[in-house]
Amino acid sequence: GPGILISLLCLVLICAAILAAVTVFFKVKRVTVSGESRYSSEEVLEAAGIAEGENLFFLNKEAITNRIFRDRPYLDTVSIRRKFPDTVEIVLQDCVPSADGRRTRCRPRPRPPS
């Protein structure tokens, strides 16, 4: 009947309003780099490839993490955090030198997609 049609229409309008709000708001205005690492913030920001104006909800954190890990053998962990309404925080941790000082011990890295 008409009640179901009106309910369905309201649901569609609510979903459209939420989608519009998510795409219009929550744009990246700032990217910060913190943590303990030998790599410079500038180097990490360039590798991350996060553009100003990208939507926080649509960031591919796995792809960003893989880009940062690439060619940076001393990184142990990379954490990408969304800080609403407009900031992305990248937290780095370098590998810890082993007790003998000759090698570094790192956690296994995520495997990039083939």
Protein backbone atom coordinates (compact mmCIF):
# COMPACT_ATOMS: atom_id res chain seq x y z
CA GLY A 1 0.00 0.00 0.00
CA PRO A 2 0.93 3.68 0.12
CA GLY A 3 2.42 3.36 3.64
CA ILE A 4 5.13 1.00 2.40
CA LEU A 5 5.89 3.25 -0.56
CA ILE A 6 6.24 6.31 1.67
CA SER A 7 8.48 4.39 4.11
CA LEU A 8 10.66 3.19 1.25
CA LEU A 9 10.90 6.69 -0.18
CA CYS A 10 11.89 8.07 3.24
CA LEU A 11 14.56 5.38 3.58
CA VAL A 12 15.99 6.23 0.14
CA LEU A 13 16.02 9.95 0.98
CA ILE A 14 17.76 9.33 4.32
CA CYS A 15 20.42 7.16 2.63
CA ALA A 16 20.96 9.81 -0.05
CA ALA A 17 21.32 12.52 2.60
CA ILE A 18 23.88 10.45 4.53
CA LEU A 19 25.85 9.70 1.37
CA ALA A 20 25.81 13.38 0.38
CA ALA A 21 26.99 14.43 3.84
CA VAL A 22 29.83 11.88 3.81
CA THR A 23 31.05 12.97 0.37
CA VAL A 24 30.72 16.71 1.00
CA PHE A 25 32.15 16.76 4.51
CA PHE A 26 35.10 14.84 5.96
CA LYS A 27 37.64 15.97 3.35
CA VAL A 28 41.34 15.62 4.17
CA LYS A 29 42.85 18.99 5.06
CA ARG A 30 45.82 17.82 7.11
CA VAL A 31 48.10 14.77 7.21
CA THR A 32 50.45 14.36 10.18
CA VAL A 33 53.37 11.96 10.67
CA SER A 34 54.47 10.88 14.15
CA GLY A 35 56.30 8.07 15.88
CA GLU A 36 59.87 6.82 16.05
CA SER A 37 61.41 6.58 12.59
CA ARG A 38 64.54 7.46 10.68
CA TYR A 39 62.42 8.53 7.71
CA SER A 40 61.45 12.18 7.32
CA SER A 41 57.85 13.35 7.45
CA GLU A 42 58.23 14.73 3.93
CA GLU A 43 59.41 11.36 2.59
CA VAL A 44 56.54 9.52 4.26
CA LEU A 45 53.93 12.06 3.11
CA GLU A 46 55.16 11.79 -0.47
CA ALA A 47 55.06 7.99 -0.34
CA ALA A 48 51.58 7.97 1.24
CA GLY A 49 50.15 9.88 -1.69
CA ILE A 50 47.18 11.27 0.22
CA ALA A 51 45.80 14.27 -1.63
CA GLU A 52 44.19 17.21 0.10
CA GLY A 53 40.45 17.03 -0.44
CA GLU A 54 40.25 13.22 -0.49
CA ASN A 55 37.38 11.83 1.54
CA LEU A 56 38.38 10.33 4.91
CA PHE A 57 35.89 7.48 4.55
CA PHE A 58 37.15 6.43 1.13
CA LEU A 59 40.88 6.30 1.95
CA ASN A 60 42.40 2.91 1.19
CA LYS A 61 44.49 2.46 4.35
CA GLU A 62 45.99 -0.82 3.13
CA ALA A 63 47.24 0.75 -0.12
CA ILE A 64 48.65 3.76 1.75
CA THR A 65 50.44 1.45 4.20
CA ASN A 66 51.92 -0.61 1.35
CA ARG A 67 53.16 2.54 -0.43
CA ILE A 68 54.86 3.75 2.75
CA PHE A 69 56.50 0.36 3.42
CA ARG A 70 57.85 0.17 -0.14
CA ASP A 71 61.61 0.98 -0.21
CA ARG A 72 61.71 1.64 3.54
CA PRO A 73 63.32 -1.50 5.01
CA TYR A 74 63.75 -0.12 8.54
CA LEU A 75 60.04 0.41 9.18
CA ASP A 76 58.40 -2.10 11.49
CA THR A 77 54.86 -0.75 11.73
CA VAL A 78 52.75 1.84 9.92
CA SER A 79 49.39 2.84 11.34
CA ILE A 80 46.94 5.04 9.44
CA ARG A 81 44.35 6.78 11.64
CA ARG A 82 41.43 8.97 10.67
CA LYS A 83 40.94 11.94 13.00
CA PHE A 84 37.60 13.52 12.29
CA PRO A 85 36.65 15.85 10.82
CA ASP A 86 39.63 16.46 8.49
CA THR A 87 42.94 14.88 9.57
CA VAL A 88 44.85 11.70 8.74
CA GLU A 89 47.54 10.64 11.19
CA ILE A 90 50.36 8.33 10.09
CA VAL A 91 52.18 6.69 13.01
CA LEU A 92 55.51 4.99 12.29
CA GLN A 93 57.73 2.67 14.28
CA ASP A 94 61.16 1.55 13.07
CA CYS A 95 62.51 -1.93 13.62
CA VAL A 96 64.34 -2.62 16.87
CA PRO A 97 68.03 -3.58 16.59
CA SER A 98 68.75 -7.10 17.79
CA ALA A 99 70.85 -7.68 20.90
CA ASP A 100 74.01 -8.33 18.86
CA GLY A 101 73.56 -4.97 17.07
CA ARG A 102 74.13 -6.46 13.61
CA ARG A 103 70.61 -7.16 12.48
CA THR A 104 67.24 -5.64 13.01
CA ARG A 105 64.17 -7.59 13.93
CA CYS A 106 60.98 -6.55 12.23
CA ARG A 107 57.53 -8.00 12.23
CA PRO A 108 56.47 -9.73 9.02
CA ARG A 109 55.24 -7.13 6.55
CA PRO A 110 51.95 -7.18 4.73
CA ARG A 111 52.35 -8.66 1.27
CA PRO A 112 51.54 -6.23 -1.52
CA PRO A 113 48.83 -7.37 -3.92
CA SER A 114 50.12 -9.13 -7.02
